[in-house]
Amino acid sequence: QVQLVESGGGLVQAGGSLRLSCAASGGIFSRYAMGWFRQAPGKEREFVAAISWRYGTTYNTDSVKDRFTISRDNAKNTVYLQMNSLKPEDTAVYYCTASYSPTDRLPITPGEYVHWGQGTQVTVSS
């Protein structure tokens, strides 16, 4: 059974940091690109960052560049999102997701991803 389980969300003051983790099981990680999306109340789900499985190539959306870093530990089947200099507008439910991608291609739209976690809430107070 495929599972993606996020952890690490919470409440933090503006300027603070959080690290989200996502543990994958059920045979998905090798040859899968991993991504993070977020969804704020009343808004559409938004791409945040993605990382390829083969070379660890990463891509972040402009609004989080220089603040968020995605990484993965293939030995632990875990992907991380280090979030620094958090802003109130980063408040959202953050979702981990996986897309079969044996090349170095990085999917950035929700429709390209098949497996999703249950989400973890991140709240940034001003």
PDB file of N, CA and C in Angstrom:
ATOM      1  N   GLN A   1       0.839  -1.185   0.000  1.00  0.00           N
ATOM      2  CA  GLN A   1       0.000   0.000   0.000  1.00  0.00           C
ATOM      3  C   GLN A   1       0.879   1.241   0.000  1.00  0.00           C
ATOM      4  N   VAL A   2       0.627   2.108  -0.965  1.00  0.00           N
ATOM      5  CA  VAL A   2       1.406   3.332  -1.076  1.00  0.00           C
ATOM      6  C   VAL A   2       0.994   4.321   0.005  1.00  0.00           C
ATOM      7  N   GLN A   3       1.981   4.864   0.683  1.00  0.00           N
ATOM      8  CA  GLN A   3       1.703   5.874   1.701  1.00  0.00           C
ATOM      9  C   GLN A   3       2.753   6.974   1.677  1.00  0.00           C
ATOM     10  N   LEU A   4       2.278   8.189   1.836  1.00  0.00           N
ATOM     11  CA  LEU A   4       3.141   9.344   2.049  1.00  0.00           C
ATOM     12  C   LEU A   4       2.655   9.995   3.336  1.00  0.00           C
ATOM     13  N   VAL A   5       3.542  10.088   4.305  1.00  0.00           N
ATOM     14  CA  VAL A   5       3.156  10.614   5.612  1.00  0.00           C
ATOM     15  C   VAL A   5       4.005  11.823   5.943  1.00  0.00           C
ATOM     16  N   GLU A   6       3.348  12.981   6.012  1.00  0.00           N
ATOM     17  CA  GLU A   6       4.042  14.229   6.341  1.00  0.00           C
ATOM     18  C   GLU A   6       4.088  14.439   7.848  1.00  0.00           C
ATOM     19  N   SER A   7       5.095  15.179   8.267  1.00  0.00           N
ATOM     20  CA  SER A   7       5.204  15.596   9.663  1.00  0.00           C
ATOM     21  C   SER A   7       6.024  16.881   9.708  1.00  0.00           C
ATOM     22  N   GLY A   8       5.970  17.543  10.866  1.00  0.00           N
ATOM     23  CA  GLY A   8       6.803  18.717  11.062  1.00  0.00           C
ATOM     24  C   GLY A   8       6.090  20.047  10.966  1.00  0.00           C
ATOM     25  N   GLY A   9       4.812  20.030  10.642  1.00  0.00           N
ATOM     26  CA  GLY A   9       4.080  21.287  10.593  1.00  0.00           C
ATOM     27  C   GLY A   9       3.823  21.840  11.989  1.00  0.00           C
ATOM     28  N   GLY A  10       3.296  23.059  12.033  1.00  0.00           N
ATOM     29  CA  GLY A  10       2.999  23.663  13.326  1.00  0.00           C
ATOM     30  C   GLY A  10       2.819  25.154  13.215  1.00  0.00           C
ATOM     31  N   LEU A  11       2.853  25.805  14.375  1.00  0.00           N
ATOM     32  CA  LEU A  11       2.694  27.250  14.473  1.00  0.00           C
ATOM     33  C   LEU A  11       4.054  27.879  14.734  1.00  0.00           C
ATOM     34  N   VAL A  12       4.374  28.905  13.956  1.00  0.00           N
ATOM     35  CA  VAL A  12       5.665  29.570  14.113  1.00  0.00           C
ATOM     36  C   VAL A  12       5.471  31.063  13.862  1.00  0.00           C
ATOM     37  N   GLN A  13       6.303  31.864  14.483  1.00  0.00           N
ATOM     38  CA  GLN A  13       6.234  33.302  14.249  1.00  0.00           C
ATOM     39  C   GLN A  13       6.925  33.662  12.936  1.00  0.00           C
ATOM     40  N   ALA A  14       6.513  34.775  12.377  1.00  0.00           N
ATOM     41  CA  ALA A  14       7.152  35.256  11.153  1.00  0.00           C
ATOM     42  C   ALA A  14       8.662  35.390  11.367  1.00  0.00           C
ATOM     43  N   GLY A  15       9.415  34.953  10.361  1.00  0.00           N
ATOM     44  CA  GLY A  15      10.866  34.950  10.465  1.00  0.00           C
ATOM     45  C   GLY A  15      11.447  33.652  10.989  1.00  0.00           C
ATOM     46  N   GLY A  16      10.587  32.788  11.495  1.00  0.00           N
ATOM     47  CA  GLY A  16      11.034  31.519  12.044  1.00  0.00           C
ATOM     48  C   GLY A  16      11.223  30.454  10.980  1.00  0.00           C
ATOM     49  N   SER A  17      11.526  29.241  11.447  1.00  0.00           N
ATOM     50  CA  SER A  17      11.820  28.125  10.545  1.00  0.00           C
ATOM     51  C   SER A  17      11.052  26.875  10.957  1.00  0.00           C
ATOM     52  N   LEU A  18      10.788  26.050   9.981  1.00  0.00           N
ATOM     53  CA  LEU A  18      10.226  24.721  10.198  1.00  0.00           C
ATOM     54  C   LEU A  18      10.843  23.769   9.178  1.00  0.00           C
ATOM     55  N   ARG A  19      10.928  22.497   9.523  1.00  0.00           N
ATOM     56  CA  ARG A  19      11.342  21.495   8.565  1.00  0.00           C
ATOM     57  C   ARG A  19      10.258  20.433   8.462  1.00  0.00           C
ATOM     58  N   LEU A  20       9.707  20.300   7.282  1.00  0.00           N
ATOM     59  CA  LEU A  20       8.721  19.267   7.018  1.00  0.00           C
ATOM     60  C   LEU A  20       9.425  18.009   6.529  1.00  0.00           C
ATOM     61  N   SER A  21       8.883  16.877   6.934  1.00  0.00           N
ATOM     62  CA  SER A  21       9.383  15.587   6.469  1.00  0.00           C
ATOM     63  C   SER A  21       8.245  14.811   5.828  1.00  0.00           C
ATOM     64  N   CYS A  22       8.602  13.949   4.902  1.00  0.00           N
ATOM     65  CA  CYS A  22       7.610  13.097   4.250  1.00  0.00           C
ATOM     66  C   CYS A  22       8.231  11.718   4.049  1.00  0.00           C
ATOM     67  N   ALA A  23       7.678  10.747   4.739  1.00  0.00           N
ATOM     68  CA  ALA A  23       8.170   9.378   4.638  1.00  0.00           C
ATOM     69  C   ALA A  23       7.316   8.603   3.645  1.00  0.00           C
ATOM     70  N   ALA A  24       7.978   7.973   2.681  1.00  0.00           N
ATOM     71  CA  ALA A  24       7.276   7.219   1.643  1.00  0.00           C
ATOM     72  C   ALA A  24       7.395   5.725   1.900  1.00  0.00           C
ATOM     73  N   SER A  25       6.337   5.009   1.633  1.00  0.00           N
ATOM     74  CA  SER A  25       6.359   3.551   1.750  1.00  0.00           C
ATOM     75  C   SER A  25       5.459   2.948   0.684  1.00  0.00           C
ATOM     76  N   GLY A  26       5.555   1.631   0.541  1.00  0.00           N
ATOM     77  CA  GLY A  26       4.723   0.965  -0.441  1.00  0.00           C
ATOM     78  C   GLY A  26       5.336   0.903  -1.827  1.00  0.00           C
ATOM     79  N   GLY A  27       6.648   1.019  -1.871  1.00  0.00           N
ATOM     80  CA  GLY A  27       7.321   0.836  -3.162  1.00  0.00           C
ATOM     81  C   GLY A  27       7.515   2.083  -3.984  1.00  0.00           C
ATOM     82  N   ILE A  28       7.199   3.240  -3.425  1.00  0.00           N
ATOM     83  CA  ILE A  28       7.424   4.457  -4.202  1.00  0.00           C
ATOM     84  C   ILE A  28       8.523   5.272  -3.562  1.00  0.00           C
ATOM     85  N   PHE A  29       9.557   5.518  -4.253  1.00  0.00           N
ATOM     86  CA  PHE A  29      10.594   6.488  -3.944  1.00  0.00           C
ATOM     87  C   PHE A  29      11.661   6.431  -5.021  1.00  0.00           C
ATOM     88  N   SER A  30      12.228   5.239  -5.207  1.00  0.00           N
ATOM     89  CA  SER A  30      13.175   5.086  -6.303  1.00  0.00           C
ATOM     90  C   SER A  30      12.464   5.337  -7.626  1.00  0.00           C
ATOM     91  N   ARG A  31      13.060   6.167  -8.455  1.00  0.00           N
ATOM     92  CA  ARG A  31      12.524   6.548  -9.758  1.00  0.00           C
ATOM     93  C   ARG A  31      11.293   7.455  -9.652  1.00  0.00           C
ATOM     94  N   TYR A  32      11.056   8.024  -8.478  1.00  0.00           N
ATOM     95  CA  TYR A  32       9.945   8.956  -8.306  1.00  0.00           C
ATOM     96  C   TYR A  32      10.489  10.349  -8.015  1.00  0.00           C
ATOM     97  N   ALA A  33       9.988  11.324  -8.772  1.00  0.00           N
ATOM     98  CA  ALA A  33      10.209  12.707  -8.389  1.00  0.00           C
ATOM     99  C   ALA A  33       9.293  13.001  -7.201  1.00  0.00           C
ATOM    100  N   MET A  34       9.777  13.786  -6.268  1.00  0.00           N
ATOM    101  CA  MET A  34       8.997  14.139  -5.086  1.00  0.00           C
ATOM    102  C   MET A  34       8.743  15.641  -5.077  1.00  0.00           C
ATOM    103  N   GLY A  35       7.559  16.003  -4.619  1.00  0.00           N
ATOM    104  CA  GLY A  35       7.209  17.415  -4.624  1.00  0.00           C
ATOM    105  C   GLY A  35       6.471  17.831  -3.367  1.00  0.00           C
ATOM    106  N   TRP A  36       6.431  19.132  -3.178  1.00  0.00           N
ATOM    107  CA  TRP A  36       5.619  19.739  -2.119  1.00  0.00           C
ATOM    108  C   TRP A  36       4.693  20.759  -2.771  1.00  0.00           C
ATOM    109  N   PHE A  37       3.440  20.689  -2.379  1.00  0.00           N
ATOM    110  CA  PHE A  37       2.445  21.676  -2.758  1.00  0.00           C
ATOM    111  C   PHE A  37       1.845  22.246  -1.482  1.00  0.00           C
ATOM    112  N   ARG A  38       1.149  23.354  -1.613  1.00  0.00           N
ATOM    113  CA  ARG A  38       0.449  23.908  -0.466  1.00  0.00           C
ATOM    114  C   ARG A  38      -0.883  24.480  -0.910  1.00  0.00           C
ATOM    115  N   GLN A  39      -1.803  24.533   0.055  1.00  0.00           N
ATOM    116  CA  GLN A  39      -3.119  25.075  -0.240  1.00  0.00           C
ATOM    117  C   GLN A  39      -3.605  25.890   0.943  1.00  0.00           C
ATOM    118  N   ALA A  40      -3.817  27.161   0.697  1.00  0.00           N
ATOM    119  CA  ALA A  40      -4.358  28.057   1.716  1.00  0.00           C
ATOM    120  C   ALA A  40      -5.879  28.084   1.585  1.00  0.00           C
ATOM    121  N   PRO A  41      -6.594  28.454   2.641  1.00  0.00           N
ATOM    122  CA  PRO A  41      -8.062  28.497   2.583  1.00  0.00           C
ATOM    123  C   PRO A  41      -8.559  29.388   1.452  1.00  0.00           C
ATOM    124  N   GLY A  42      -9.456  28.852   0.651  1.00  0.00           N
ATOM    125  CA  GLY A  42     -10.047  29.615  -0.440  1.00  0.00           C
ATOM    126  C   GLY A  42      -9.173  29.763  -1.666  1.00  0.00           C
ATOM    127  N   LYS A  43      -8.017  29.098  -1.653  1.00  0.00           N
ATOM    128  CA  LYS A  43      -7.104  29.220  -2.790  1.00  0.00           C
ATOM    129  C   LYS A  43      -6.855  27.855  -3.421  1.00  0.00           C
ATOM    130  N   GLU A  44      -6.352  27.874  -4.643  1.00  0.00           N
ATOM    131  CA  GLU A  44      -6.022  26.626  -5.318  1.00  0.00           C
ATOM    132  C   GLU A  44      -4.715  26.053  -4.784  1.00  0.00           C
ATOM    133  N   ARG A  45      -4.556  24.758  -5.001  1.00  0.00           N
ATOM    134  CA  ARG A  45      -3.311  24.115  -4.585  1.00  0.00           C
ATOM    135  C   ARG A  45      -2.162  24.676  -5.423  1.00  0.00           C
ATOM    136  N   GLU A  46      -1.064  25.001  -4.752  1.00  0.00           N
ATOM    137  CA  GLU A  46       0.046  25.713  -5.370  1.00  0.00           C
ATOM    138  C   GLU A  46       1.329  24.899  -5.270  1.00  0.00           C
ATOM    139  N   PHE A  47       2.071  24.823  -6.373  1.00  0.00           N
ATOM    140  CA  PHE A  47       3.365  24.160  -6.370  1.00  0.00           C
ATOM    141  C   PHE A  47       4.354  24.946  -5.509  1.00  0.00           C
ATOM    142  N   VAL A  48       5.148  24.219  -4.727  1.00  0.00           N
ATOM    143  CA  VAL A  48       6.168  24.849  -3.888  1.00  0.00           C
ATOM    144  C   VAL A  48       7.572  24.456  -4.354  1.00  0.00           C
ATOM    145  N   ALA A  49       7.837  23.154  -4.416  1.00  0.00           N
ATOM    146  CA  ALA A  49       9.185  22.691  -4.758  1.00  0.00           C
ATOM    147  C   ALA A  49       9.118  21.240  -5.201  1.00  0.00           C
ATOM    148  N   ALA A  50      10.136  20.835  -5.984  1.00  0.00           N
ATOM    149  CA  ALA A  50      10.232  19.452  -6.421  1.00  0.00           C
ATOM    150  C   ALA A  50      11.688  19.049  -6.523  1.00  0.00           C
ATOM    151  N   ILE A  51      11.926  17.732  -6.430  1.00  0.00           N
ATOM    152  CA  ILE A  51      13.281  17.201  -6.517  1.00  0.00           C
ATOM    153  C   ILE A  51      13.236  15.891  -7.304  1.00  0.00           C
ATOM    154  N   SER A  52      14.178  15.732  -8.223  1.00  0.00           N
ATOM    155  CA  SER A  52      14.222  14.520  -9.030  1.00  0.00           C
ATOM    156  C   SER A  52      14.885  13.404  -8.245  1.00  0.00           C
ATOM    157  N   TRP A  53      14.657  12.163  -8.681  1.00  0.00           N
ATOM    158  CA  TRP A  53      15.245  11.047  -7.945  1.00  0.00           C
ATOM    159  C   TRP A  53      16.656  10.762  -8.417  1.00  0.00           C
ATOM    160  N   ARG A  54      16.925  11.009  -9.732  1.00  0.00           N
ATOM    161  CA  ARG A  54      18.174  10.526 -10.309  1.00  0.00           C
ATOM    162  C   ARG A  54      19.372  11.369  -9.878  1.00  0.00           C
ATOM    163  N   TYR A  55      19.255  12.684 -10.040  1.00  0.00           N
ATOM    164  CA  TYR A  55      20.403  13.547  -9.729  1.00  0.00           C
ATOM    165  C   TYR A  55      20.096  14.547  -8.617  1.00  0.00           C
ATOM    166  N   GLY A  56      18.903  14.457  -8.074  1.00  0.00           N
ATOM    167  CA  GLY A  56      18.553  15.398  -7.017  1.00  0.00           C
ATOM    168  C   GLY A  56      18.390  16.816  -7.514  1.00  0.00           C
ATOM    169  N   THR A  57      18.063  16.966  -8.764  1.00  0.00           N
ATOM    170  CA  THR A  57      17.814  18.299  -9.308  1.00  0.00           C
ATOM    171  C   THR A  57      16.585  18.888  -8.622  1.00  0.00           C
ATOM    172  N   THR A  58      16.661  20.166  -8.281  1.00  0.00           N
ATOM    173  CA  THR A  58      15.549  20.799  -7.573  1.00  0.00           C
ATOM    174  C   THR A  58      15.015  22.002  -8.328  1.00  0.00           C
ATOM    175  N   TYR A  59      13.781  22.336  -7.994  1.00  0.00           N
ATOM    176  CA  TYR A  59      13.158  23.529  -8.557  1.00  0.00           C
ATOM    177  C   TYR A  59      12.164  24.056  -7.535  1.00  0.00           C
ATOM    178  N   ASN A  60      12.230  25.363  -7.256  1.00  0.00           N
ATOM    179  CA  ASN A  60      11.325  26.016  -6.318  1.00  0.00           C
ATOM    180  C   ASN A  60      10.501  27.067  -7.038  1.00  0.00           C
ATOM    181  N   THR A  61       9.302  27.282  -6.563  1.00  0.00           N
ATOM    182  CA  THR A  61       8.537  28.397  -7.089  1.00  0.00           C
ATOM    183  C   THR A  61       9.178  29.712  -6.638  1.00  0.00           C
ATOM    184  N   ASP A  62       8.959  30.772  -7.387  1.00  0.00           N
ATOM    185  CA  ASP A  62       9.662  32.036  -7.122  1.00  0.00           C
ATOM    186  C   ASP A  62       9.408  32.576  -5.720  1.00  0.00           C
ATOM    187  N   SER A  63       8.201  32.393  -5.209  1.00  0.00           N
ATOM    188  CA  SER A  63       7.848  33.000  -3.926  1.00  0.00           C
ATOM    189  C   SER A  63       8.605  32.398  -2.743  1.00  0.00           C
ATOM    190  N   VAL A  64       9.234  31.236  -2.931  1.00  0.00           N
ATOM    191  CA  VAL A  64       9.962  30.615  -1.820  1.00  0.00           C
ATOM    192  C   VAL A  64      11.459  30.464  -2.107  1.00  0.00           C
ATOM    193  N   LYS A  65      11.884  30.912  -3.258  1.00  0.00           N
ATOM    194  CA  LYS A  65      13.316  30.802  -3.575  1.00  0.00           C
ATOM    195  C   LYS A  65      14.131  31.541  -2.531  1.00  0.00           C
ATOM    196  N   ASP A  66      15.279  31.006  -2.198  1.00  0.00           N
ATOM    197  CA  ASP A  66      16.200  31.562  -1.204  1.00  0.00           C
ATOM    198  C   ASP A  66      15.667  31.438   0.214  1.00  0.00           C
ATOM    199  N   ARG A  67      14.471  30.870   0.389  1.00  0.00           N
ATOM    200  CA  ARG A  67      13.932  30.656   1.740  1.00  0.00           C
ATOM    201  C   ARG A  67      13.669  29.172   2.020  1.00  0.00           C
ATOM    202  N   PHE A  68      13.182  28.446   1.020  1.00  0.00           N
ATOM    203  CA  PHE A  68      12.853  27.034   1.200  1.00  0.00           C
ATOM    204  C   PHE A  68      13.857  26.168   0.446  1.00  0.00           C
ATOM    205  N   THR A  69      14.181  25.015   1.025  1.00  0.00           N
ATOM    206  CA  THR A  69      15.080  24.065   0.380  1.00  0.00           C
ATOM    207  C   THR A  69      14.476  22.672   0.451  1.00  0.00           C
ATOM    208  N   ILE A  70      14.341  22.031  -0.707  1.00  0.00           N
ATOM    209  CA  ILE A  70      13.868  20.651  -0.749  1.00  0.00           C
ATOM    210  C   ILE A  70      15.071  19.723  -0.866  1.00  0.00           C
ATOM    211  N   SER A  71      15.003  18.603  -0.165  1.00  0.00           N
ATOM    212  CA  SER A  71      16.074  17.618  -0.232  1.00  0.00           C
ATOM    213  C   SER A  71      15.473  16.235  -0.040  1.00  0.00           C
ATOM    214  N   ARG A  72      16.255  15.209  -0.334  1.00  0.00           N
ATOM    215  CA  ARG A  72      15.758  13.855  -0.157  1.00  0.00           C
ATOM    216  C   ARG A  72      16.871  12.948   0.318  1.00  0.00           C
ATOM    217  N   ASP A  73      16.478  11.949   1.095  1.00  0.00           N
ATOM    218  CA  ASP A  73      17.392  10.910   1.557  1.00  0.00           C
ATOM    219  C   ASP A  73      16.871   9.595   0.992  1.00  0.00           C
ATOM    220  N   ASN A  74      17.484   9.135  -0.079  1.00  0.00           N
ATOM    221  CA  ASN A  74      16.981   7.936  -0.747  1.00  0.00           C
ATOM    222  C   ASN A  74      17.135   6.683   0.114  1.00  0.00           C
ATOM    223  N   ALA A  75      18.097   6.696   1.018  1.00  0.00           N
ATOM    224  CA  ALA A  75      18.279   5.539   1.902  1.00  0.00           C
ATOM    225  C   ALA A  75      17.141   5.438   2.919  1.00  0.00           C
ATOM    226  N   LYS A  76      16.544   6.577   3.245  1.00  0.00           N
ATOM    227  CA  LYS A  76      15.457   6.608   4.236  1.00  0.00           C
ATOM    228  C   LYS A  76      14.086   6.776   3.601  1.00  0.00           C
ATOM    229  N   ASN A  77      14.047   6.840   2.261  1.00  0.00           N
ATOM    230  CA  ASN A  77      12.766   7.063   1.561  1.00  0.00           C
ATOM    231  C   ASN A  77      12.029   8.279   2.115  1.00  0.00           C
ATOM    232  N   THR A  78      12.766   9.338   2.333  1.00  0.00           N
ATOM    233  CA  THR A  78      12.205  10.527   2.968  1.00  0.00           C
ATOM    234  C   THR A  78      12.604  11.778   2.178  1.00  0.00           C
ATOM    235  N   VAL A  79      11.652  12.677   2.046  1.00  0.00           N
ATOM    236  CA  VAL A  79      11.923  13.973   1.431  1.00  0.00           C
ATOM    237  C   VAL A  79      11.640  15.052   2.471  1.00  0.00           C
ATOM    238  N   TYR A  80      12.412  16.124   2.398  1.00  0.00           N
ATOM    239  CA  TYR A  80      12.317  17.192   3.383  1.00  0.00           C
ATOM    240  C   TYR A  80      12.040  18.528   2.690  1.00  0.00           C
ATOM    241  N   LEU A  81      11.455  19.426   3.468  1.00  0.00           N
ATOM    242  CA  LEU A  81      11.305  20.807   3.031  1.00  0.00           C
ATOM    243  C   LEU A  81      11.730  21.694   4.188  1.00  0.00           C
ATOM    244  N   GLN A  82      12.914  22.277   4.069  1.00  0.00           N
ATOM    245  CA  GLN A  82      13.398  23.212   5.076  1.00  0.00           C
ATOM    246  C   GLN A  82      12.866  24.586   4.723  1.00  0.00           C
ATOM    247  N   MET A  83      12.138  25.185   5.658  1.00  0.00           N
ATOM    248  CA  MET A  83      11.506  26.477   5.413  1.00  0.00           C
ATOM    249  C   MET A  83      12.068  27.499   6.385  1.00  0.00           C
ATOM    250  N   ASN A  84      12.745  28.486   5.854  1.00  0.00           N
ATOM    251  CA  ASN A  84      13.334  29.557   6.659  1.00  0.00           C
ATOM    252  C   ASN A  84      12.673  30.891   6.326  1.00  0.00           C
ATOM    253  N   SER A  85      12.873  31.854   7.196  1.00  0.00           N
ATOM    254  CA  SER A  85      12.319  33.201   6.996  1.00  0.00           C
ATOM    255  C   SER A  85      10.839  33.130   6.625  1.00  0.00           C
ATOM    256  N   LEU A  86      10.095  32.381   7.403  1.00  0.00           N
ATOM    257  CA  LEU A  86       8.682  32.179   7.094  1.00  0.00           C
ATOM    258  C   LEU A  86       7.895  33.475   7.201  1.00  0.00           C
ATOM    259  N   LYS A  87       6.891  33.575   6.331  1.00  0.00           N
ATOM    260  CA  LYS A  87       6.026  34.754   6.279  1.00  0.00           C
ATOM    261  C   LYS A  87       4.580  34.322   6.510  1.00  0.00           C
ATOM    262  N   PRO A  88       3.736  35.240   6.979  1.00  0.00           N
ATOM    263  CA  PRO A  88       2.317  34.870   7.162  1.00  0.00           C
ATOM    264  C   PRO A  88       1.679  34.306   5.900  1.00  0.00           C
ATOM    265  N   GLU A  89       2.099  34.767   4.749  1.00  0.00           N
ATOM    266  CA  GLU A  89       1.525  34.264   3.492  1.00  0.00           C
ATOM    267  C   GLU A  89       1.951  32.838   3.163  1.00  0.00           C
ATOM    268  N   ASP A  90       2.873  32.277   3.944  1.00  0.00           N
ATOM    269  CA  ASP A  90       3.240  30.867   3.778  1.00  0.00           C
ATOM    270  C   ASP A  90       2.258  29.950   4.494  1.00  0.00           C
ATOM    271  N   THR A  91       1.338  30.520   5.252  1.00  0.00           N
ATOM    272  CA  THR A  91       0.354  29.726   5.984  1.00  0.00           C
ATOM    273  C   THR A  91      -0.505  28.917   5.012  1.00  0.00           C
ATOM    274  N   ALA A  92      -0.540  27.600   5.217  1.00  0.00           N
ATOM    275  CA  ALA A  92      -1.275  26.710   4.324  1.00  0.00           C
ATOM    276  C   ALA A  92      -1.155  25.282   4.842  1.00  0.00           C
ATOM    277  N   VAL A  93      -1.922  24.395   4.231  1.00  0.00           N
ATOM    278  CA  VAL A  93      -1.692  22.968   4.413  1.00  0.00           C
ATOM    279  C   VAL A  93      -0.674  22.551   3.355  1.00  0.00           C
ATOM    280  N   TYR A  94       0.376  21.902   3.796  1.00  0.00           N
ATOM    281  CA  TYR A  94       1.443  21.473   2.896  1.00  0.00           C
ATOM    282  C   TYR A  94       1.304  19.982   2.612  1.00  0.00           C
ATOM    283  N   TYR A  95       1.361  19.645   1.325  1.00  0.00           N
ATOM    284  CA  TYR A  95       1.182  18.273   0.878  1.00  0.00           C
ATOM    285  C   TYR A  95       2.446  17.745   0.216  1.00  0.00           C
ATOM    286  N   CYS A  96       2.801  16.533   0.587  1.00  0.00           N
ATOM    287  CA  CYS A  96       3.881  15.812  -0.064  1.00  0.00           C
ATOM    288  C   CYS A  96       3.274  14.995  -1.199  1.00  0.00           C
ATOM    289  N   THR A  97       4.010  14.867  -2.297  1.00  0.00           N
ATOM    290  CA  THR A  97       3.465  14.150  -3.430  1.00  0.00           C
ATOM    291  C   THR A  97       4.575  13.470  -4.221  1.00  0.00           C
ATOM    292  N   ALA A  98       4.197  12.435  -4.974  1.00  0.00           N
ATOM    293  CA  ALA A  98       5.176  11.650  -5.721  1.00  0.00           C
ATOM    294  C   ALA A  98       4.690  11.404  -7.142  1.00  0.00           C
ATOM    295  N   SER A  99       5.640  11.464  -8.073  1.00  0.00           N
ATOM    296  CA  SER A  99       5.340  11.234  -9.486  1.00  0.00           C
ATOM    297  C   SER A  99       6.397  10.321 -10.081  1.00  0.00           C
ATOM    298  N   TYR A 100       5.961   9.248 -10.730  1.00  0.00           N
ATOM    299  CA  TYR A 100       6.924   8.342 -11.343  1.00  0.00           C
ATOM    300  C   TYR A 100       7.670   9.088 -12.439  1.00  0.00           C
ATOM    301  N   SER A 101       8.990   9.182 -12.285  1.00  0.00           N
ATOM    302  CA  SER A 101       9.797   9.975 -13.223  1.00  0.00           C
ATOM    303  C   SER A 101      11.219   9.440 -13.223  1.00  0.00           C
ATOM    304  N   PRO A 102      11.500   8.398 -14.025  1.00  0.00           N
ATOM    305  CA  PRO A 102      12.822   7.777 -14.006  1.00  0.00           C
ATOM    306  C   PRO A 102      13.909   8.635 -14.637  1.00  0.00           C
ATOM    307  N   THR A 103      13.531   9.706 -15.304  1.00  0.00           N
ATOM    308  CA  THR A 103      14.529  10.631 -15.842  1.00  0.00           C
ATOM    309  C   THR A 103      14.741  11.745 -14.819  1.00  0.00           C
ATOM    310  N   ASP A 104      15.304  12.847 -15.229  1.00  0.00           N
ATOM    311  CA  ASP A 104      15.520  13.966 -14.319  1.00  0.00           C
ATOM    312  C   ASP A 104      14.418  15.012 -14.444  1.00  0.00           C
ATOM    313  N   ARG A 105      13.317  14.623 -15.070  1.00  0.00           N
ATOM    314  CA  ARG A 105      12.210  15.560 -15.267  1.00  0.00           C
ATOM    315  C   ARG A 105      11.569  15.931 -13.944  1.00  0.00           C
ATOM    316  N   LEU A 106      11.179  17.206 -13.816  1.00  0.00           N
ATOM    317  CA  LEU A 106      10.556  17.690 -12.592  1.00  0.00           C
ATOM    318  C   LEU A 106       9.123  18.139 -12.876  1.00  0.00           C
ATOM    319  N   PRO A 107       8.137  17.359 -12.478  1.00  0.00           N
ATOM    320  CA  PRO A 107       6.745  17.794 -12.642  1.00  0.00           C
ATOM    321  C   PRO A 107       6.442  18.950 -11.701  1.00  0.00           C
ATOM    322  N   ILE A 108       5.642  19.902 -12.182  1.00  0.00           N
ATOM    323  CA  ILE A 108       5.314  21.047 -11.333  1.00  0.00           C
ATOM    324  C   ILE A 108       3.818  21.333 -11.278  1.00  0.00           C
ATOM    325  N   THR A 109       3.001  20.521 -11.926  1.00  0.00           N
ATOM    326  CA  THR A 109       1.556  20.726 -11.851  1.00  0.00           C
ATOM    327  C   THR A 109       0.913  19.580 -11.073  1.00  0.00           C
ATOM    328  N   PRO A 110      -0.189  19.873 -10.358  1.00  0.00           N
ATOM    329  CA  PRO A 110      -0.806  18.818  -9.549  1.00  0.00           C
ATOM    330  C   PRO A 110      -1.205  17.584 -10.359  1.00  0.00           C
ATOM    331  N   GLY A 111      -1.628  17.786 -11.587  1.00  0.00           N
ATOM    332  CA  GLY A 111      -2.092  16.666 -12.400  1.00  0.00           C
ATOM    333  C   GLY A 111      -1.015  15.680 -12.776  1.00  0.00           C
ATOM    334  N   GLU A 112       0.250  16.082 -12.638  1.00  0.00           N
ATOM    335  CA  GLU A 112       1.359  15.184 -12.962  1.00  0.00           C
ATOM    336  C   GLU A 112       1.711  14.263 -11.804  1.00  0.00           C
ATOM    337  N   TYR A 113       1.127  14.516 -10.665  1.00  0.00           N
ATOM    338  CA  TYR A 113       1.427  13.720  -9.480  1.00  0.00           C
ATOM    339  C   TYR A 113       0.275  12.768  -9.188  1.00  0.00           C
ATOM    340  N   VAL A 114       0.635  11.541  -8.811  1.00  0.00           N
ATOM    341  CA  VAL A 114      -0.365  10.504  -8.575  1.00  0.00           C
ATOM    342  C   VAL A 114      -0.615  10.271  -7.092  1.00  0.00           C
ATOM    343  N   HIS A 115       0.457  10.253  -6.319  1.00  0.00           N
ATOM    344  CA  HIS A 115       0.341   9.912  -4.899  1.00  0.00           C
ATOM    345  C   HIS A 115       0.468  11.166  -4.047  1.00  0.00           C
ATOM    346  N   TRP A 116      -0.420  11.291  -3.055  1.00  0.00           N
ATOM    347  CA  TRP A 116      -0.454  12.462  -2.182  1.00  0.00           C
ATOM    348  C   TRP A 116      -0.523  12.040  -0.726  1.00  0.00           C
ATOM    349  N   GLY A 117       0.113  12.840   0.126  1.00  0.00           N
ATOM    350  CA  GLY A 117      -0.032  12.650   1.556  1.00  0.00           C
ATOM    351  C   GLY A 117      -1.285  13.335   2.051  1.00  0.00           C
ATOM    352  N   GLN A 118      -1.503  13.223   3.357  1.00  0.00           N
ATOM    353  CA  GLN A 118      -2.728  13.777   3.949  1.00  0.00           C
ATOM    354  C   GLN A 118      -2.600  15.258   4.252  1.00  0.00           C
ATOM    355  N   GLY A 119      -1.387  15.771   4.221  1.00  0.00           N
ATOM    356  CA  GLY A 119      -1.143  17.188   4.459  1.00  0.00           C
ATOM    357  C   GLY A 119      -0.784  17.482   5.905  1.00  0.00           C
ATOM    358  N   THR A 120      -0.026  18.550   6.083  1.00  0.00           N
ATOM    359  CA  THR A 120       0.334  19.018   7.414  1.00  0.00           C
ATOM    360  C   THR A 120       0.170  20.537   7.445  1.00  0.00           C
ATOM    361  N   GLN A 121      -0.422  21.035   8.518  1.00  0.00           N
ATOM    362  CA  GLN A 121      -0.735  22.461   8.618  1.00  0.00           C
ATOM    363  C   GLN A 121       0.494  23.254   9.044  1.00  0.00           C
ATOM    364  N   VAL A 122       0.759  24.323   8.324  1.00  0.00           N
ATOM    365  CA  VAL A 122       1.789  25.285   8.707  1.00  0.00           C
ATOM    366  C   VAL A 122       1.101  26.627   8.898  1.00  0.00           C
ATOM    367  N   THR A 123       1.268  27.204  10.076  1.00  0.00           N
ATOM    368  CA  THR A 123       0.665  28.495  10.378  1.00  0.00           C
ATOM    369  C   THR A 123       1.760  29.450  10.824  1.00  0.00           C
ATOM    370  N   VAL A 124       1.853  30.580  10.148  1.00  0.00           N
ATOM    371  CA  VAL A 124       2.867  31.582  10.459  1.00  0.00           C
ATOM    372  C   VAL A 124       2.163  32.825  10.986  1.00  0.00           C
ATOM    373  N   SER A 125       2.443  33.181  12.211  1.00  0.00           N
ATOM    374  CA  SER A 125       1.806  34.351  12.822  1.00  0.00           C
ATOM    375  C   SER A 125       2.660  35.597  12.598  1.00  0.00           C
ATOM    376  N   SER A 126       1.978  36.719  12.499  1.00  0.00           N
ATOM    377  CA  SER A 126       2.697  37.982  12.249  1.00  0.00           C
ATOM    378  C   SER A 126       3.108  38.648  13.544  1.00  0.00           C
TER     379      SER A 126
END
